[in-house]
């Protein structure tokens, strides 16, 4: 193993860990969005609260699915 291959492996590992870290932060962001949407729909009555809540929940589910997919692929 040459030095270049060694550093390439380290760089690749740090890149993958960084990507997973930022995807985890995005899950936290999605959870906060869901909480804010729930709070907003309790405060304001628009008439289509269930649609807005469903979109926020779908956003959280997709972000978790992307994280799980990236965890297994990377």
PDB file of N, CA and C in Angstrom:
ATOM      1  N   UNK A   1       0.849  -1.175   0.000  1.00  0.00           N
ATOM      2  CA  UNK A   1       0.000   0.000   0.000  1.00  0.00           C
ATOM      3  C   UNK A   1       0.894   1.237   0.000  1.00  0.00           C
ATOM      4  N   UNK A   2       0.657   2.084  -0.956  1.00  0.00           N
ATOM      5  CA  UNK A   2       1.452   3.304  -1.041  1.00  0.00           C
ATOM      6  C   UNK A   2       0.852   4.380  -0.150  1.00  0.00           C
ATOM      7  N   UNK A   3       1.614   5.444   0.012  1.00  0.00           N
ATOM      8  CA  UNK A   3       1.129   6.556   0.828  1.00  0.00           C
ATOM      9  C   UNK A   3      -0.108   7.192   0.214  1.00  0.00           C
ATOM     10  N   UNK A   4      -0.159   7.255  -1.110  1.00  0.00           N
ATOM     11  CA  UNK A   4      -1.308   7.855  -1.781  1.00  0.00           C
ATOM     12  C   UNK A   4      -2.571   7.047  -1.520  1.00  0.00           C
ATOM     13  N   UNK A   5      -2.490   5.746  -1.566  1.00  0.00           N
ATOM     14  CA  UNK A   5      -3.651   4.907  -1.287  1.00  0.00           C
ATOM     15  C   UNK A   5      -4.082   5.046   0.169  1.00  0.00           C
ATOM     16  N   UNK A   6      -3.115   5.170   1.061  1.00  0.00           N
ATOM     17  CA  UNK A   6      -3.424   5.337   2.479  1.00  0.00           C
ATOM     18  C   UNK A   6      -4.194   6.633   2.718  1.00  0.00           C
ATOM     19  N   UNK A   7      -3.697   7.741   2.152  1.00  0.00           N
ATOM     20  CA  UNK A   7      -4.368   9.025   2.335  1.00  0.00           C
ATOM     21  C   UNK A   7      -5.703   9.070   1.606  1.00  0.00           C
ATOM     22  N   UNK A   8      -5.798   8.360   0.497  1.00  0.00           N
ATOM     23  CA  UNK A   8      -7.075   8.292  -0.213  1.00  0.00           C
ATOM     24  C   UNK A   8      -8.110   7.570   0.642  1.00  0.00           C
ATOM     25  N   UNK A   9      -7.702   6.519   1.331  1.00  0.00           N
ATOM     26  CA  UNK A   9      -8.614   5.799   2.222  1.00  0.00           C
ATOM     27  C   UNK A   9      -9.059   6.643   3.396  1.00  0.00           C
ATOM     28  N   UNK A  10      -8.125   7.388   3.970  1.00  0.00           N
ATOM     29  CA  UNK A  10      -8.468   8.266   5.093  1.00  0.00           C
ATOM     30  C   UNK A  10      -9.415   9.370   4.627  1.00  0.00           C
ATOM     31  N   UNK A  11      -9.114   9.981   3.481  1.00  0.00           N
ATOM     32  CA  UNK A  11      -9.968  11.047   2.951  1.00  0.00           C
ATOM     33  C   UNK A  11     -11.366  10.519   2.657  1.00  0.00           C
ATOM     34  N   UNK A  12     -11.438   9.334   2.084  1.00  0.00           N
ATOM     35  CA  UNK A  12     -12.728   8.727   1.775  1.00  0.00           C
ATOM     36  C   UNK A  12     -13.522   8.455   3.049  1.00  0.00           C
ATOM     37  N   UNK A  13     -12.861   7.967   4.067  1.00  0.00           N
ATOM     38  CA  UNK A  13     -13.540   7.680   5.336  1.00  0.00           C
ATOM     39  C   UNK A  13     -14.061   8.952   5.992  1.00  0.00           C
ATOM     40  N   UNK A  14     -13.244  10.001   6.019  1.00  0.00           N
ATOM     41  CA  UNK A  14     -13.689  11.263   6.605  1.00  0.00           C
ATOM     42  C   UNK A  14     -14.830  11.883   5.801  1.00  0.00           C
ATOM     43  N   UNK A  15     -14.789  11.736   4.497  1.00  0.00           N
ATOM     44  CA  UNK A  15     -15.868  12.256   3.663  1.00  0.00           C
ATOM     45  C   UNK A  15     -17.173  11.531   3.957  1.00  0.00           C
ATOM     46  N   UNK A  16     -17.112  10.220   4.077  1.00  0.00           N
ATOM     47  CA  UNK A  16     -18.313   9.440   4.371  1.00  0.00           C
ATOM     48  C   UNK A  16     -18.859   9.773   5.755  1.00  0.00           C
ATOM     49  N   UNK A  17     -17.968   9.880   6.739  1.00  0.00           N
ATOM     50  CA  UNK A  17     -18.420  10.238   8.082  1.00  0.00           C
ATOM     51  C   UNK A  17     -19.016  11.642   8.115  1.00  0.00           C
ATOM     52  N   UNK A  18     -18.404  12.564   7.389  1.00  0.00           N
ATOM     53  CA  UNK A  18     -18.943  13.920   7.320  1.00  0.00           C
ATOM     54  C   UNK A  18     -20.310  13.955   6.677  1.00  0.00           C
ATOM     55  N   UNK A  19     -20.480  13.193   5.620  1.00  0.00           N
ATOM     56  CA  UNK A  19     -21.777  13.130   4.949  1.00  0.00           C
ATOM     57  C   UNK A  19     -22.836  12.552   5.874  1.00  0.00           C
ATOM     58  N   UNK A  20     -22.512  11.484   6.572  1.00  0.00           N
ATOM     59  CA  UNK A  20     -23.467  10.900   7.511  1.00  0.00           C
ATOM     60  C   UNK A  20     -23.783  11.860   8.655  1.00  0.00           C
ATOM     61  N   UNK A  21     -22.791  12.606   9.113  1.00  0.00           N
ATOM     62  CA  UNK A  21     -23.018  13.585  10.173  1.00  0.00           C
ATOM     63  C   UNK A  21     -23.991  14.666   9.712  1.00  0.00           C
ATOM     64  N   UNK A  22     -23.789  15.192   8.510  1.00  0.00           N
ATOM     65  CA  UNK A  22     -24.678  16.243   8.020  1.00  0.00           C
ATOM     66  C   UNK A  22     -26.067  15.707   7.689  1.00  0.00           C
ATOM     67  N   UNK A  23     -26.162  14.465   7.267  1.00  0.00           N
ATOM     68  CA  UNK A  23     -27.481  13.863   7.073  1.00  0.00           C
ATOM     69  C   UNK A  23     -28.198  13.691   8.411  1.00  0.00           C
ATOM     70  N   UNK A  24     -27.450  13.363   9.455  1.00  0.00           N
ATOM     71  CA  UNK A  24     -28.046  13.274  10.788  1.00  0.00           C
ATOM     72  C   UNK A  24     -28.543  14.646  11.252  1.00  0.00           C
ATOM     73  N   UNK A  25     -27.762  15.686  10.989  1.00  0.00           N
ATOM     74  CA  UNK A  25     -28.216  17.040  11.323  1.00  0.00           C
ATOM     75  C   UNK A  25     -29.478  17.402  10.546  1.00  0.00           C
ATOM     76  N   UNK A  26     -29.575  16.925   9.314  1.00  0.00           N
ATOM     77  CA  UNK A  26     -30.773  17.193   8.516  1.00  0.00           C
ATOM     78  C   UNK A  26     -31.989  16.474   9.101  1.00  0.00           C
ATOM     79  N   UNK A  27     -31.785  15.299   9.686  1.00  0.00           N
ATOM     80  CA  UNK A  27     -32.892  14.615  10.360  1.00  0.00           C
ATOM     81  C   UNK A  27     -33.374  15.454  11.541  1.00  0.00           C
ATOM     82  N   UNK A  28     -32.443  16.017  12.289  1.00  0.00           N
ATOM     83  CA  UNK A  28     -32.821  16.885  13.408  1.00  0.00           C
ATOM     84  C   UNK A  28     -33.595  18.094  12.892  1.00  0.00           C
ATOM     85  N   UNK A  29     -33.133  18.680  11.783  1.00  0.00           N
ATOM     86  CA  UNK A  29     -33.840  19.807  11.176  1.00  0.00           C
ATOM     87  C   UNK A  29     -35.249  19.399  10.762  1.00  0.00           C
ATOM     88  N   UNK A  30     -35.399  18.226  10.162  1.00  0.00           N
ATOM     89  CA  UNK A  30     -36.715  17.749   9.733  1.00  0.00           C
ATOM     90  C   UNK A  30     -37.642  17.545  10.923  1.00  0.00           C
ATOM     91  N   UNK A  31     -37.086  17.042  12.022  1.00  0.00           N
ATOM     92  CA  UNK A  31     -37.884  16.866  13.231  1.00  0.00           C
ATOM     93  C   UNK A  31     -38.349  18.217  13.773  1.00  0.00           C
ATOM     94  N   UNK A  32     -37.472  19.207  13.750  1.00  0.00           N
ATOM     95  CA  UNK A  32     -37.843  20.547  14.212  1.00  0.00           C
ATOM     96  C   UNK A  32     -38.915  21.144  13.305  1.00  0.00           C
ATOM     97  N   UNK A  33     -38.797  20.922  12.004  1.00  0.00           N
ATOM     98  CA  UNK A  33     -39.824  21.400  11.072  1.00  0.00           C
ATOM     99  C   UNK A  33     -41.169  20.764  11.403  1.00  0.00           C
ATOM    100  N   UNK A  34     -41.168  19.467  11.685  1.00  0.00           N
ATOM    101  CA  UNK A  34     -42.411  18.779  12.040  1.00  0.00           C
ATOM    102  C   UNK A  34     -43.022  19.372  13.307  1.00  0.00           C
ATOM    103  N   UNK A  35     -42.201  19.632  14.312  1.00  0.00           N
ATOM    104  CA  UNK A  35     -42.708  20.232  15.545  1.00  0.00           C
ATOM    105  C   UNK A  35     -43.257  21.636  15.298  1.00  0.00           C
ATOM    106  N   UNK A  36     -42.569  22.418  14.474  1.00  0.00           N
ATOM    107  CA  UNK A  36     -43.033  23.772  14.169  1.00  0.00           C
ATOM    108  C   UNK A  36     -44.349  23.745  13.391  1.00  0.00           C
ATOM    109  N   UNK A  37     -44.478  22.803  12.476  1.00  0.00           N
ATOM    110  CA  UNK A  37     -45.723  22.684  11.709  1.00  0.00           C
ATOM    111  C   UNK A  37     -46.870  22.302  12.637  1.00  0.00           C
ATOM    112  N   UNK A  38     -46.623  21.378  13.554  1.00  0.00           N
ATOM    113  CA  UNK A  38     -47.674  21.009  14.509  1.00  0.00           C
ATOM    114  C   UNK A  38     -48.077  22.195  15.376  1.00  0.00           C
ATOM    115  N   UNK A  39     -47.105  22.971  15.818  1.00  0.00           N
ATOM    116  CA  UNK A  39     -47.404  24.157  16.615  1.00  0.00           C
ATOM    117  C   UNK A  39     -48.162  25.192  15.786  1.00  0.00           C
ATOM    118  N   UNK A  40     -47.752  25.366  14.535  1.00  0.00           N
ATOM    119  CA  UNK A  40     -48.407  26.337  13.664  1.00  0.00           C
ATOM    120  C   UNK A  40     -49.859  25.949  13.395  1.00  0.00           C
ATOM    121  N   UNK A  41     -50.107  24.658  13.162  1.00  0.00           N
ATOM    122  CA  UNK A  41     -51.474  24.243  12.856  1.00  0.00           C
ATOM    123  C   UNK A  41     -52.376  24.318  14.083  1.00  0.00           C
ATOM    124  N   UNK A  42     -51.793  24.255  15.279  1.00  0.00           N
ATOM    125  CA  UNK A  42     -52.600  24.458  16.480  1.00  0.00           C
ATOM    126  C   UNK A  42     -52.953  25.932  16.650  1.00  0.00           C
ATOM    127  N   UNK A  43     -52.049  26.810  16.214  1.00  0.00           N
ATOM    128  CA  UNK A  43     -52.250  28.247  16.375  1.00  0.00           C
ATOM    129  C   UNK A  43     -53.156  28.817  15.292  1.00  0.00           C
ATOM    130  N   UNK A  44     -52.878  28.469  14.045  1.00  0.00           N
ATOM    131  CA  UNK A  44     -53.634  28.992  12.913  1.00  0.00           C
ATOM    132  C   UNK A  44     -54.541  27.913  12.342  1.00  0.00           C
ATOM    133  N   UNK A  45     -55.763  28.294  12.018  1.00  0.00           N
ATOM    134  CA  UNK A  45     -56.680  27.359  11.378  1.00  0.00           C
ATOM    135  C   UNK A  45     -56.823  27.764   9.923  1.00  0.00           C
ATOM    136  N   UNK A  46     -56.210  26.983   9.057  1.00  0.00           N
ATOM    137  CA  UNK A  46     -56.197  27.301   7.634  1.00  0.00           C
ATOM    138  C   UNK A  46     -57.257  26.501   6.897  1.00  0.00           C
ATOM    139  N   UNK A  47     -57.503  25.294   7.322  1.00  0.00           N
ATOM    140  CA  UNK A  47     -58.480  24.449   6.663  1.00  0.00           C
ATOM    141  C   UNK A  47     -57.871  23.201   6.059  1.00  0.00           C
ATOM    142  N   UNK A  48     -56.582  23.206   5.838  1.00  0.00           N
ATOM    143  CA  UNK A  48     -55.917  22.022   5.288  1.00  0.00           C
ATOM    144  C   UNK A  48     -54.711  21.645   6.151  1.00  0.00           C
ATOM    145  N   UNK A  49     -54.944  21.653   7.459  1.00  0.00           N
ATOM    146  CA  UNK A  49     -53.873  21.325   8.397  1.00  0.00           C
ATOM    147  C   UNK A  49     -53.355  19.904   8.220  1.00  0.00           C
ATOM    148  N   UNK A  50     -54.267  18.982   7.919  1.00  0.00           N
ATOM    149  CA  UNK A  50     -53.846  17.583   7.791  1.00  0.00           C
ATOM    150  C   UNK A  50     -52.891  17.393   6.616  1.00  0.00           C
ATOM    151  N   UNK A  51     -53.090  18.144   5.545  1.00  0.00           N
ATOM    152  CA  UNK A  51     -52.193  18.052   4.388  1.00  0.00           C
ATOM    153  C   UNK A  51     -50.808  18.591   4.749  1.00  0.00           C
ATOM    154  N   UNK A  52     -50.774  19.702   5.445  1.00  0.00           N
ATOM    155  CA  UNK A  52     -49.497  20.299   5.840  1.00  0.00           C
ATOM    156  C   UNK A  52     -48.752  19.375   6.803  1.00  0.00           C
ATOM    157  N   UNK A  53     -49.482  18.787   7.759  1.00  0.00           N
ATOM    158  CA  UNK A  53     -48.854  17.850   8.693  1.00  0.00           C
ATOM    159  C   UNK A  53     -48.331  16.614   7.964  1.00  0.00           C
ATOM    160  N   UNK A  54     -49.091  16.139   6.990  1.00  0.00           N
ATOM    161  CA  UNK A  54     -48.666  14.957   6.233  1.00  0.00           C
ATOM    162  C   UNK A  54     -47.399  15.240   5.430  1.00  0.00           C
ATOM    163  N   UNK A  55     -47.307  16.425   4.852  1.00  0.00           N
ATOM    164  CA  UNK A  55     -46.106  16.789   4.090  1.00  0.00           C
ATOM    165  C   UNK A  55     -44.896  16.881   5.021  1.00  0.00           C
ATOM    166  N   UNK A  56     -45.079  17.472   6.194  1.00  0.00           N
ATOM    167  CA  UNK A  56     -43.972  17.575   7.155  1.00  0.00           C
ATOM    168  C   UNK A  56     -43.543  16.193   7.646  1.00  0.00           C
ATOM    169  N   UNK A  57     -44.502  15.311   7.890  1.00  0.00           N
ATOM    170  CA  UNK A  57     -44.169  13.950   8.315  1.00  0.00           C
ATOM    171  C   UNK A  57     -43.476  13.183   7.198  1.00  0.00           C
ATOM    172  N   UNK A  58     -43.945  13.361   5.978  1.00  0.00           N
ATOM    173  CA  UNK A  58     -43.299  12.718   4.830  1.00  0.00           C
ATOM    174  C   UNK A  58     -41.862  13.214   4.672  1.00  0.00           C
ATOM    175  N   UNK A  59     -41.649  14.489   4.910  1.00  0.00           N
ATOM    176  CA  UNK A  59     -40.305  15.072   4.852  1.00  0.00           C
ATOM    177  C   UNK A  59     -39.380  14.403   5.865  1.00  0.00           C
ATOM    178  N   UNK A  60     -39.876  14.202   7.081  1.00  0.00           N
ATOM    179  CA  UNK A  60     -39.079  13.527   8.112  1.00  0.00           C
ATOM    180  C   UNK A  60     -38.799  12.075   7.729  1.00  0.00           C
ATOM    181  N   UNK A  61     -39.798  11.380   7.223  1.00  0.00           N
ATOM    182  CA  UNK A  61     -39.622   9.973   6.841  1.00  0.00           C
ATOM    183  C   UNK A  61     -38.609   9.840   5.714  1.00  0.00           C
ATOM    184  N   UNK A  62     -38.688  10.720   4.728  1.00  0.00           N
ATOM    185  CA  UNK A  62     -37.739  10.659   3.611  1.00  0.00           C
ATOM    186  C   UNK A  62     -36.326  10.979   4.080  1.00  0.00           C
ATOM    187  N   UNK A  63     -36.182  11.939   4.977  1.00  0.00           N
ATOM    188  CA  UNK A  63     -34.835  12.264   5.457  1.00  0.00           C
ATOM    189  C   UNK A  63     -34.236  11.107   6.257  1.00  0.00           C
ATOM    190  N   UNK A  64     -35.046  10.407   7.038  1.00  0.00           N
ATOM    191  CA  UNK A  64     -34.554   9.227   7.756  1.00  0.00           C
ATOM    192  C   UNK A  64     -34.210   8.117   6.767  1.00  0.00           C
ATOM    193  N   UNK A  65     -35.040   7.940   5.744  1.00  0.00           N
ATOM    194  CA  UNK A  65     -34.777   6.905   4.740  1.00  0.00           C
ATOM    195  C   UNK A  65     -33.484   7.188   3.979  1.00  0.00           C
ATOM    196  N   UNK A  66     -33.232   8.439   3.649  1.00  0.00           N
ATOM    197  CA  UNK A  66     -31.989   8.796   2.958  1.00  0.00           C
ATOM    198  C   UNK A  66     -30.789   8.529   3.857  1.00  0.00           C
ATOM    199  N   UNK A  67     -30.920   8.835   5.148  1.00  0.00           N
ATOM    200  CA  UNK A  67     -29.823   8.558   6.080  1.00  0.00           C
ATOM    201  C   UNK A  67     -29.538   7.061   6.169  1.00  0.00           C
ATOM    202  N   UNK A  68     -30.587   6.259   6.299  1.00  0.00           N
ATOM    203  CA  UNK A  68     -30.401   4.804   6.396  1.00  0.00           C
ATOM    204  C   UNK A  68     -29.792   4.260   5.111  1.00  0.00           C
ATOM    205  N   UNK A  69     -30.281   4.738   3.975  1.00  0.00           N
ATOM    206  CA  UNK A  69     -29.737   4.297   2.687  1.00  0.00           C
ATOM    207  C   UNK A  69     -28.258   4.665   2.573  1.00  0.00           C
ATOM    208  N   UNK A  70     -27.923   5.895   2.937  1.00  0.00           N
ATOM    209  CA  UNK A  70     -26.523   6.329   2.861  1.00  0.00           C
ATOM    210  C   UNK A  70     -25.658   5.551   3.841  1.00  0.00           C
ATOM    211  N   UNK A  71     -26.206   5.218   4.999  1.00  0.00           N
ATOM    212  CA  UNK A  71     -25.436   4.462   5.985  1.00  0.00           C
ATOM    213  C   UNK A  71     -25.044   3.091   5.443  1.00  0.00           C
ATOM    214  N   UNK A  72     -25.966   2.442   4.748  1.00  0.00           N
ATOM    215  CA  UNK A  72     -25.662   1.109   4.235  1.00  0.00           C
ATOM    216  C   UNK A  72     -24.883   1.143   2.928  1.00  0.00           C
ATOM    217  N   UNK A  73     -25.086   2.151   2.115  1.00  0.00           N
ATOM    218  CA  UNK A  73     -24.379   2.232   0.835  1.00  0.00           C
ATOM    219  C   UNK A  73     -22.945   2.703   1.042  1.00  0.00           C
ATOM    220  N   UNK A  74     -22.764   3.683   1.924  1.00  0.00           N
ATOM    221  CA  UNK A  74     -21.418   4.194   2.151  1.00  0.00           C
ATOM    222  C   UNK A  74     -20.710   3.255   3.081  1.00  0.00           C
TER     223      UNK A  74
END
